[in-house]
Structure formats: structure tokens, C-alpha cells
Amino acid sequence: MATTYLAEGWCTDPYGRHEARWISNGLPTALVRDGDVEGRDPVEEDEVVVEATPVSWGDQPGDGADLLRSDRSETSTRRALSHAASSILTRTHD
């Protein structure tokens, strides 16, 4: 049975194999991180060796706020990116 966590985002790796592991919907995922290097390490039914606690990486949010939603349509994603680019261009020309 998988252990669930309240955290969402980068947390200490509950399996103790990496610096951090992405926790999504309360469950560990295969996305791992060691320093600035991200990779994949499949989630197995290994015994949890440490409690998963939230971590942050410099000025990056640790809550996933900087990520695009996977259920967001490509059209709305393109529209959001286009709006962000327009905002940047508008600010640089003011």
C-alpha cells in the first residue's frame, strides 16, 4: 500500500534515493531531482525511509505554481503564453 502525503510539489525523497521527489495528488511520482539535475526514477513499493517534507530550490516555487497543467488544452496554453509574451514586450517598450 502506498504512503500518501499532504504535500504537493518538491519534497524530500521518501525512498532516500534522491534529494527530492515530486509529490502529486499526495503520491510520490517518478520525477526526481538532485541539485539542478532532474530525472526519472520509477516509483516502486519500496519502504519509505524518510518523511517527505516540502523543499524549495532557490527562487523557484516548490508548489508547482510555475508548471502548466497537463489537463489544459493546447489552445489555452498557447493563448496564455502569447499573452505573457505580449505583456513582456509591452513593458519593455514603455
PDB file of N, CA and C in Angstrom:
ATOM      1  N   MET A   1       0.838  -1.187   0.000  1.00  0.00           N
ATOM      2  CA  MET A   1       0.000   0.000   0.000  1.00  0.00           C
ATOM      3  C   MET A   1       0.880   1.245   0.000  1.00  0.00           C
ATOM      4  N   ALA A   2       0.569   2.211  -0.874  1.00  0.00           N
ATOM      5  CA  ALA A   2       1.370   3.418  -0.999  1.00  0.00           C
ATOM      6  C   ALA A   2       1.099   4.374   0.155  1.00  0.00           C
ATOM      7  N   THR A   3       2.154   5.047   0.591  1.00  0.00           N
ATOM      8  CA  THR A   3       2.020   6.070   1.617  1.00  0.00           C
ATOM      9  C   THR A   3       1.600   7.363   0.943  1.00  0.00           C
ATOM     10  N   THR A   4       0.630   8.075   1.479  1.00  0.00           N
ATOM     11  CA  THR A   4       0.205   9.345   0.907  1.00  0.00           C
ATOM     12  C   THR A   4       0.684  10.490   1.784  1.00  0.00           C
ATOM     13  N   TYR A   5       0.874  11.646   1.161  1.00  0.00           N
ATOM     14  CA  TYR A   5       1.373  12.840   1.835  1.00  0.00           C
ATOM     15  C   TYR A   5       0.423  13.988   1.552  1.00  0.00           C
ATOM     16  N   LEU A   6       0.400  14.947   2.444  1.00  0.00           N
ATOM     17  CA  LEU A   6      -0.435  16.115   2.235  1.00  0.00           C
ATOM     18  C   LEU A   6       0.226  17.099   1.281  1.00  0.00           C
ATOM     19  N   ALA A   7       1.539  17.004   1.140  1.00  0.00           N
ATOM     20  CA  ALA A   7       2.282  17.966   0.334  1.00  0.00           C
ATOM     21  C   ALA A   7       2.032  17.776  -1.155  1.00  0.00           C
ATOM     22  N   GLU A   8       2.193  18.851  -1.909  1.00  0.00           N
ATOM     23  CA  GLU A   8       2.131  18.845  -3.363  1.00  0.00           C
ATOM     24  C   GLU A   8       3.331  19.638  -3.834  1.00  0.00           C
ATOM     25  N   GLY A   9       4.193  19.029  -4.616  1.00  0.00           N
ATOM     26  CA  GLY A   9       5.368  19.721  -5.121  1.00  0.00           C
ATOM     27  C   GLY A   9       6.633  18.946  -4.787  1.00  0.00           C
ATOM     28  N   TRP A  10       7.769  19.642  -4.812  1.00  0.00           N
ATOM     29  CA  TRP A  10       9.043  19.016  -4.499  1.00  0.00           C
ATOM     30  C   TRP A  10       9.139  18.743  -2.998  1.00  0.00           C
ATOM     31  N   CYS A  11       9.425  17.500  -2.671  1.00  0.00           N
ATOM     32  CA  CYS A  11       9.589  17.087  -1.278  1.00  0.00           C
ATOM     33  C   CYS A  11      10.835  16.217  -1.179  1.00  0.00           C
ATOM     34  N   THR A  12      11.322  16.059   0.030  1.00  0.00           N
ATOM     35  CA  THR A  12      12.418  15.111   0.204  1.00  0.00           C
ATOM     36  C   THR A  12      11.956  13.750  -0.301  1.00  0.00           C
ATOM     37  N   ASP A  13      12.873  13.010  -0.918  1.00  0.00           N
ATOM     38  CA  ASP A  13      12.531  11.707  -1.486  1.00  0.00           C
ATOM     39  C   ASP A  13      12.227  10.727  -0.352  1.00  0.00           C
ATOM     40  N   PRO A  14      10.990  10.256  -0.268  1.00  0.00           N
ATOM     41  CA  PRO A  14      10.655   9.350   0.833  1.00  0.00           C
ATOM     42  C   PRO A  14      11.410   8.027   0.772  1.00  0.00           C
ATOM     43  N   TYR A  15      11.984   7.708  -0.381  1.00  0.00           N
ATOM     44  CA  TYR A  15      12.741   6.460  -0.533  1.00  0.00           C
ATOM     45  C   TYR A  15      14.230   6.656  -0.243  1.00  0.00           C
ATOM     46  N   GLY A  16      14.646   7.918  -0.059  1.00  0.00           N
ATOM     47  CA  GLY A  16      16.031   8.212   0.292  1.00  0.00           C
ATOM     48  C   GLY A  16      17.039   8.026  -0.827  1.00  0.00           C
ATOM     49  N   ARG A  17      16.580   7.950  -2.072  1.00  0.00           N
ATOM     50  CA  ARG A  17      17.498   7.727  -3.196  1.00  0.00           C
ATOM     51  C   ARG A  17      17.938   9.027  -3.864  1.00  0.00           C
ATOM     52  N   HIS A  18      17.189  10.109  -3.695  1.00  0.00           N
ATOM     53  CA  HIS A  18      17.487  11.391  -4.346  1.00  0.00           C
ATOM     54  C   HIS A  18      17.251  12.522  -3.355  1.00  0.00           C
ATOM     55  N   GLU A  19      17.707  13.731  -3.740  1.00  0.00           N
ATOM     56  CA  GLU A  19      17.479  14.891  -2.875  1.00  0.00           C
ATOM     57  C   GLU A  19      15.996  15.196  -2.749  1.00  0.00           C
ATOM     58  N   ALA A  20      15.273  15.090  -3.862  1.00  0.00           N
ATOM     59  CA  ALA A  20      13.853  15.435  -3.847  1.00  0.00           C
ATOM     60  C   ALA A  20      13.097  14.573  -4.849  1.00  0.00           C
ATOM     61  N   ARG A  21      11.816  14.450  -4.585  1.00  0.00           N
ATOM     62  CA  ARG A  21      10.914  13.724  -5.480  1.00  0.00           C
ATOM     63  C   ARG A  21       9.631  14.537  -5.569  1.00  0.00           C
ATOM     64  N   TRP A  22       9.037  14.621  -6.769  1.00  0.00           N
ATOM     65  CA  TRP A  22       7.808  15.376  -6.954  1.00  0.00           C
ATOM     66  C   TRP A  22       6.648  14.562  -6.385  1.00  0.00           C
ATOM     67  N   ILE A  23       5.884  15.215  -5.508  1.00  0.00           N
ATOM     68  CA  ILE A  23       4.702  14.598  -4.924  1.00  0.00           C
ATOM     69  C   ILE A  23       3.497  15.228  -5.620  1.00  0.00           C
ATOM     70  N   SER A  24       2.635  14.397  -6.183  1.00  0.00           N
ATOM     71  CA  SER A  24       1.462  14.896  -6.896  1.00  0.00           C
ATOM     72  C   SER A  24       0.223  14.180  -6.388  1.00  0.00           C
ATOM     73  N   ASN A  25      -0.776  14.972  -6.078  1.00  0.00           N
ATOM     74  CA  ASN A  25      -2.023  14.413  -5.573  1.00  0.00           C
ATOM     75  C   ASN A  25      -1.776  13.521  -4.360  1.00  0.00           C
ATOM     76  N   GLY A  26      -0.768  13.890  -3.569  1.00  0.00           N
ATOM     77  CA  GLY A  26      -0.465  13.166  -2.348  1.00  0.00           C
ATOM     78  C   GLY A  26       0.365  11.909  -2.520  1.00  0.00           C
ATOM     79  N   LEU A  27       0.816  11.611  -3.751  1.00  0.00           N
ATOM     80  CA  LEU A  27       1.590  10.394  -4.002  1.00  0.00           C
ATOM     81  C   LEU A  27       2.927  10.704  -4.664  1.00  0.00           C
ATOM     82  N   PRO A  28       3.990   9.973  -4.312  1.00  0.00           N
ATOM     83  CA  PRO A  28       5.283  10.165  -4.971  1.00  0.00           C
ATOM     84  C   PRO A  28       5.188   9.829  -6.460  1.00  0.00           C
ATOM     85  N   THR A  29       5.876  10.614  -7.295  1.00  0.00           N
ATOM     86  CA  THR A  29       5.928  10.345  -8.728  1.00  0.00           C
ATOM     87  C   THR A  29       7.339   9.894  -9.111  1.00  0.00           C
ATOM     88  N   ALA A  30       7.545   9.612 -10.376  1.00  0.00           N
ATOM     89  CA  ALA A  30       8.855   9.184 -10.867  1.00  0.00           C
ATOM     90  C   ALA A  30       9.814  10.364 -11.076  1.00  0.00           C
ATOM     91  N   LEU A  31       9.322  11.602 -11.030  1.00  0.00           N
ATOM     92  CA  LEU A  31      10.158  12.784 -11.249  1.00  0.00           C
ATOM     93  C   LEU A  31      11.005  13.049 -10.011  1.00  0.00           C
ATOM     94  N   VAL A  32      12.329  13.056 -10.206  1.00  0.00           N
ATOM     95  CA  VAL A  32      13.262  13.256  -9.091  1.00  0.00           C
ATOM     96  C   VAL A  32      14.225  14.382  -9.422  1.00  0.00           C
ATOM     97  N   ARG A  33      14.901  14.862  -8.385  1.00  0.00           N
ATOM     98  CA  ARG A  33      15.839  15.962  -8.571  1.00  0.00           C
ATOM     99  C   ARG A  33      17.002  15.814  -7.606  1.00  0.00           C
ATOM    100  N   ASP A  34      18.209  16.040  -8.137  1.00  0.00           N
ATOM    101  CA  ASP A  34      19.435  16.089  -7.345  1.00  0.00           C
ATOM    102  C   ASP A  34      20.157  17.366  -7.750  1.00  0.00           C
ATOM    103  N   GLY A  35      20.134  18.364  -6.869  1.00  0.00           N
ATOM    104  CA  GLY A  35      20.679  19.668  -7.227  1.00  0.00           C
ATOM    105  C   GLY A  35      19.846  20.261  -8.345  1.00  0.00           C
ATOM    106  N   ASP A  36      20.511  20.690  -9.430  1.00  0.00           N
ATOM    107  CA  ASP A  36      19.805  21.261 -10.576  1.00  0.00           C
ATOM    108  C   ASP A  36      19.450  20.223 -11.626  1.00  0.00           C
ATOM    109  N   VAL A  37      19.747  18.968 -11.384  1.00  0.00           N
ATOM    110  CA  VAL A  37      19.526  17.909 -12.372  1.00  0.00           C
ATOM    111  C   VAL A  37      18.232  17.158 -12.055  1.00  0.00           C
ATOM    112  N   GLU A  38      17.313  17.191 -13.028  1.00  0.00           N
ATOM    113  CA  GLU A  38      16.071  16.451 -12.886  1.00  0.00           C
ATOM    114  C   GLU A  38      16.159  15.154 -13.669  1.00  0.00           C
ATOM    115  N   GLY A  39      15.481  14.149 -13.202  1.00  0.00           N
ATOM    116  CA  GLY A  39      15.466  12.869 -13.884  1.00  0.00           C
ATOM    117  C   GLY A  39      14.238  12.077 -13.496  1.00  0.00           C
ATOM    118  N   ARG A  40      14.262  10.810 -13.868  1.00  0.00           N
ATOM    119  CA  ARG A  40      13.148   9.928 -13.562  1.00  0.00           C
ATOM    120  C   ARG A  40      13.678   8.704 -12.838  1.00  0.00           C
ATOM    121  N   ASP A  41      12.968   8.295 -11.824  1.00  0.00           N
ATOM    122  CA  ASP A  41      13.271   7.083 -11.079  1.00  0.00           C
ATOM    123  C   ASP A  41      11.920   6.479 -10.716  1.00  0.00           C
ATOM    124  N   PRO A  42      11.585   5.349 -11.333  1.00  0.00           N
ATOM    125  CA  PRO A  42      10.255   4.777 -11.127  1.00  0.00           C
ATOM    126  C   PRO A  42       9.903   4.592  -9.656  1.00  0.00           C
ATOM    127  N   VAL A  43       8.644   4.821  -9.371  1.00  0.00           N
ATOM    128  CA  VAL A  43       8.125   4.610  -8.020  1.00  0.00           C
ATOM    129  C   VAL A  43       7.867   3.114  -7.867  1.00  0.00           C
ATOM    130  N   GLU A  44       8.393   2.576  -6.821  1.00  0.00           N
ATOM    131  CA  GLU A  44       8.190   1.159  -6.532  1.00  0.00           C
ATOM    132  C   GLU A  44       7.591   1.039  -5.142  1.00  0.00           C
ATOM    133  N   GLU A  45       7.280  -0.118  -4.769  1.00  0.00           N
ATOM    134  CA  GLU A  45       6.717  -0.341  -3.441  1.00  0.00           C
ATOM    135  C   GLU A  45       7.823  -0.461  -2.391  1.00  0.00           C
ATOM    136  N   ASP A  46       8.896   0.325  -2.576  1.00  0.00           N
ATOM    137  CA  ASP A  46       9.983   0.333  -1.592  1.00  0.00           C
ATOM    138  C   ASP A  46       9.482   0.885  -0.267  1.00  0.00           C
ATOM    139  N   GLU A  47      10.163   0.498   0.761  1.00  0.00           N
ATOM    140  CA  GLU A  47       9.812   1.005   2.080  1.00  0.00           C
ATOM    141  C   GLU A  47      10.234   2.466   2.201  1.00  0.00           C
ATOM    142  N   VAL A  48       9.354   3.277   2.726  1.00  0.00           N
ATOM    143  CA  VAL A  48       9.656   4.686   2.967  1.00  0.00           C
ATOM    144  C   VAL A  48      10.699   4.759   4.069  1.00  0.00           C
ATOM    145  N   VAL A  49      11.788   5.505   3.789  1.00  0.00           N
ATOM    146  CA  VAL A  49      12.858   5.599   4.785  1.00  0.00           C
ATOM    147  C   VAL A  49      12.911   6.968   5.459  1.00  0.00           C
ATOM    148  N   VAL A  50      12.338   7.989   4.819  1.00  0.00           N
ATOM    149  CA  VAL A  50      12.271   9.325   5.426  1.00  0.00           C
ATOM    150  C   VAL A  50      10.899   9.924   5.140  1.00  0.00           C
ATOM    151  N   GLU A  51      10.471  10.811   6.009  1.00  0.00           N
ATOM    152  CA  GLU A  51       9.209  11.517   5.792  1.00  0.00           C
ATOM    153  C   GLU A  51       9.391  12.533   4.676  1.00  0.00           C
ATOM    154  N   ALA A  52       8.475  12.580   3.721  1.00  0.00           N
ATOM    155  CA  ALA A  52       8.540  13.555   2.635  1.00  0.00           C
ATOM    156  C   ALA A  52       8.112  14.911   3.171  1.00  0.00           C
ATOM    157  N   THR A  53       9.045  15.860   3.154  1.00  0.00           N
ATOM    158  CA  THR A  53       8.747  17.217   3.595  1.00  0.00           C
ATOM    159  C   THR A  53       9.044  18.181   2.456  1.00  0.00           C
ATOM    160  N   PRO A  54       8.258  19.244   2.302  1.00  0.00           N
ATOM    161  CA  PRO A  54       8.460  20.187   1.194  1.00  0.00           C
ATOM    162  C   PRO A  54       9.861  20.797   1.194  1.00  0.00           C
ATOM    163  N   VAL A  55      10.417  20.953  -0.013  1.00  0.00           N
ATOM    164  CA  VAL A  55      11.695  21.627  -0.201  1.00  0.00           C
ATOM    165  C   VAL A  55      11.513  22.690  -1.276  1.00  0.00           C
ATOM    166  N   SER A  56      12.356  23.708  -1.265  1.00  0.00           N
ATOM    167  CA  SER A  56      12.323  24.720  -2.320  1.00  0.00           C
ATOM    168  C   SER A  56      13.708  24.800  -2.939  1.00  0.00           C
ATOM    169  N   TRP A  57      13.750  25.255  -4.157  1.00  0.00           N
ATOM    170  CA  TRP A  57      15.004  25.328  -4.920  1.00  0.00           C
ATOM    171  C   TRP A  57      15.254  26.781  -5.304  1.00  0.00           C
ATOM    172  N   GLY A  58      16.002  27.482  -4.495  1.00  0.00           N
ATOM    173  CA  GLY A  58      16.333  28.868  -4.800  1.00  0.00           C
ATOM    174  C   GLY A  58      15.086  29.718  -4.891  1.00  0.00           C
ATOM    175  N   ASP A  59      14.942  30.437  -6.020  1.00  0.00           N
ATOM    176  CA  ASP A  59      13.784  31.311  -6.181  1.00  0.00           C
ATOM    177  C   ASP A  59      12.638  30.639  -6.930  1.00  0.00           C
ATOM    178  N   GLN A  60      12.728  29.335  -7.167  1.00  0.00           N
ATOM    179  CA  GLN A  60      11.650  28.619  -7.828  1.00  0.00           C
ATOM    180  C   GLN A  60      10.604  28.210  -6.797  1.00  0.00           C
ATOM    181  N   PRO A  61       9.324  28.370  -7.145  1.00  0.00           N
ATOM    182  CA  PRO A  61       8.301  27.926  -6.205  1.00  0.00           C
ATOM    183  C   PRO A  61       8.338  26.421  -6.060  1.00  0.00           C
ATOM    184  N   GLY A  62       8.148  25.928  -4.873  1.00  0.00           N
ATOM    185  CA  GLY A  62       8.143  24.495  -4.652  1.00  0.00           C
ATOM    186  C   GLY A  62       6.754  23.896  -4.695  1.00  0.00           C
ATOM    187  N   ASP A  63       5.761  24.728  -5.048  1.00  0.00           N
ATOM    188  CA  ASP A  63       4.383  24.244  -5.021  1.00  0.00           C
ATOM    189  C   ASP A  63       3.826  23.941  -6.403  1.00  0.00           C
ATOM    190  N   GLY A  64       4.668  24.001  -7.442  1.00  0.00           N
ATOM    191  CA  GLY A  64       4.196  23.695  -8.782  1.00  0.00           C
ATOM    192  C   GLY A  64       3.518  24.859  -9.472  1.00  0.00           C
ATOM    193  N   ALA A  65       3.508  26.036  -8.864  1.00  0.00           N
ATOM    194  CA  ALA A  65       2.832  27.179  -9.455  1.00  0.00           C
ATOM    195  C   ALA A  65       3.459  27.596 -10.781  1.00  0.00           C
ATOM    196  N   ASP A  66       4.713  27.199 -11.031  1.00  0.00           N
ATOM    197  CA  ASP A  66       5.381  27.568 -12.267  1.00  0.00           C
ATOM    198  C   ASP A  66       5.141  26.564 -13.393  1.00  0.00           C
ATOM    199  N   LEU A  67       4.382  25.516 -13.147  1.00  0.00           N
ATOM    200  CA  LEU A  67       4.156  24.475 -14.131  1.00  0.00           C
ATOM    201  C   LEU A  67       2.818  24.653 -14.832  1.00  0.00           C
ATOM    202  N   LEU A  68       2.755  24.247 -16.108  1.00  0.00           N
ATOM    203  CA  LEU A  68       1.497  24.255 -16.829  1.00  0.00           C
ATOM    204  C   LEU A  68       0.712  23.010 -16.442  1.00  0.00           C
ATOM    205  N   ARG A  69      -0.568  23.124 -16.381  1.00  0.00           N
ATOM    206  CA  ARG A  69      -1.419  21.983 -16.045  1.00  0.00           C
ATOM    207  C   ARG A  69      -1.483  21.018 -17.217  1.00  0.00           C
ATOM    208  N   SER A  70      -1.418  19.735 -16.947  1.00  0.00           N
ATOM    209  CA  SER A  70      -1.463  18.736 -18.003  1.00  0.00           C
ATOM    210  C   SER A  70      -2.850  18.621 -18.620  1.00  0.00           C
ATOM    211  N   ASP A  71      -3.888  19.044 -17.922  1.00  0.00           N
ATOM    212  CA  ASP A  71      -5.232  18.950 -18.471  1.00  0.00           C
ATOM    213  C   ASP A  71      -5.662  20.226 -19.200  1.00  0.00           C
ATOM    214  N   ARG A  72      -4.743  21.150 -19.336  1.00  0.00           N
ATOM    215  CA  ARG A  72      -5.034  22.390 -20.030  1.00  0.00           C
ATOM    216  C   ARG A  72      -4.901  22.153 -21.530  1.00  0.00           C
ATOM    217  N   SER A  73      -5.838  22.632 -22.306  1.00  0.00           N
ATOM    218  CA  SER A  73      -5.793  22.405 -23.751  1.00  0.00           C
ATOM    219  C   SER A  73      -4.623  23.157 -24.370  1.00  0.00           C
ATOM    220  N   GLU A  74      -4.155  22.661 -25.522  1.00  0.00           N
ATOM    221  CA  GLU A  74      -3.038  23.319 -26.205  1.00  0.00           C
ATOM    222  C   GLU A  74      -3.410  24.738 -26.596  1.00  0.00           C
ATOM    223  N   THR A  75      -4.666  24.947 -27.014  1.00  0.00           N
ATOM    224  CA  THR A  75      -5.110  26.279 -27.417  1.00  0.00           C
ATOM    225  C   THR A  75      -5.025  27.257 -26.259  1.00  0.00           C
ATOM    226  N   SER A  76      -5.524  26.876 -25.099  1.00  0.00           N
ATOM    227  CA  SER A  76      -5.481  27.795 -23.959  1.00  0.00           C
ATOM    228  C   SER A  76      -4.052  27.993 -23.478  1.00  0.00           C
ATOM    229  N   THR A  77      -3.205  26.970 -23.607  1.00  0.00           N
ATOM    230  CA  THR A  77      -1.798  27.115 -23.236  1.00  0.00           C
ATOM    231  C   THR A  77      -1.108  28.098 -24.163  1.00  0.00           C
ATOM    232  N   ARG A  78      -1.345  27.965 -25.488  1.00  0.00           N
ATOM    233  CA  ARG A  78      -0.743  28.900 -26.455  1.00  0.00           C
ATOM    234  C   ARG A  78      -1.242  30.321 -26.194  1.00  0.00           C
ATOM    235  N   ARG A  79      -2.524  30.452 -25.894  1.00  0.00           N
ATOM    236  CA  ARG A  79      -3.099  31.768 -25.621  1.00  0.00           C
ATOM    237  C   ARG A  79      -2.443  32.385 -24.381  1.00  0.00           C
ATOM    238  N   ALA A  80      -2.257  31.586 -23.337  1.00  0.00           N
ATOM    239  CA  ALA A  80      -1.642  32.080 -22.103  1.00  0.00           C
ATOM    240  C   ALA A  80      -0.192  32.484 -22.355  1.00  0.00           C
ATOM    241  N   LEU A  81       0.544  31.676 -23.116  1.00  0.00           N
ATOM    242  CA  LEU A  81       1.936  32.013 -23.413  1.00  0.00           C
ATOM    243  C   LEU A  81       2.030  33.262 -24.287  1.00  0.00           C
ATOM    244  N   SER A  82       1.124  33.390 -25.251  1.00  0.00           N
ATOM    245  CA  SER A  82       1.104  34.564 -26.117  1.00  0.00           C
ATOM    246  C   SER A  82       0.804  35.819 -25.303  1.00  0.00           C
ATOM    247  N   HIS A  83      -0.141  35.715 -24.382  1.00  0.00           N
ATOM    248  CA  HIS A  83      -0.481  36.858 -23.516  1.00  0.00           C
ATOM    249  C   HIS A  83       0.719  37.247 -22.651  1.00  0.00           C
ATOM    250  N   ALA A  84       1.419  36.247 -22.104  1.00  0.00           N
ATOM    251  CA  ALA A  84       2.592  36.526 -21.267  1.00  0.00           C
ATOM    252  C   ALA A  84       3.671  37.217 -22.085  1.00  0.00           C
ATOM    253  N   ALA A  85       3.905  36.734 -23.318  1.00  0.00           N
ATOM    254  CA  ALA A  85       4.923  37.346 -24.185  1.00  0.00           C
ATOM    255  C   ALA A  85       4.533  38.778 -24.535  1.00  0.00           C
ATOM    256  N   SER A  86       3.256  39.002 -24.837  1.00  0.00           N
ATOM    257  CA  SER A  86       2.790  40.356 -25.151  1.00  0.00           C
ATOM    258  C   SER A  86       2.987  41.298 -23.977  1.00  0.00           C
ATOM    259  N   SER A  87       2.726  40.804 -22.776  1.00  0.00           N
ATOM    260  CA  SER A  87       2.900  41.627 -21.580  1.00  0.00           C
ATOM    261  C   SER A  87       4.357  42.030 -21.404  1.00  0.00           C
ATOM    262  N   ILE A  88       5.254  41.099 -21.665  1.00  0.00           N
ATOM    263  CA  ILE A  88       6.687  41.382 -21.538  1.00  0.00           C
ATOM    264  C   ILE A  88       7.115  42.402 -22.570  1.00  0.00           C
ATOM    265  N   LEU A  89       6.676  42.223 -23.816  1.00  0.00           N
ATOM    266  CA  LEU A  89       7.046  43.162 -24.877  1.00  0.00           C
ATOM    267  C   LEU A  89       6.477  44.552 -24.610  1.00  0.00           C
ATOM    268  N   THR A  90       5.270  44.604 -24.107  1.00  0.00           N
ATOM    269  CA  THR A  90       4.639  45.895 -23.804  1.00  0.00           C
ATOM    270  C   THR A  90       5.414  46.617 -22.706  1.00  0.00           C
ATOM    271  N   ARG A  91       5.819  45.893 -21.690  1.00  0.00           N
ATOM    272  CA  ARG A  91       6.554  46.514 -20.581  1.00  0.00           C
ATOM    273  C   ARG A  91       7.913  47.006 -21.030  1.00  0.00           C
ATOM    274  N   THR A  92       8.587  46.310 -21.952  1.00  0.00           N
ATOM    275  CA  THR A  92       9.937  46.722 -22.353  1.00  0.00           C
ATOM    276  C   THR A  92       9.903  47.945 -23.261  1.00  0.00           C
ATOM    277  N   HIS A  93       8.748  48.219 -23.907  1.00  0.00           N
ATOM    278  CA  HIS A  93       8.652  49.370 -24.796  1.00  0.00           C
ATOM    279  C   HIS A  93       8.041  50.579 -24.139  1.00  0.00           C
ATOM    280  N   ASP A  94       7.613  50.468 -22.910  1.00  0.00           N
ATOM    281  CA  ASP A  94       7.004  51.608 -22.196  1.00  0.00           C
ATOM    282  C   ASP A  94       8.058  52.552 -21.688  1.00  0.00           C
TER     283      ASP A  94
END
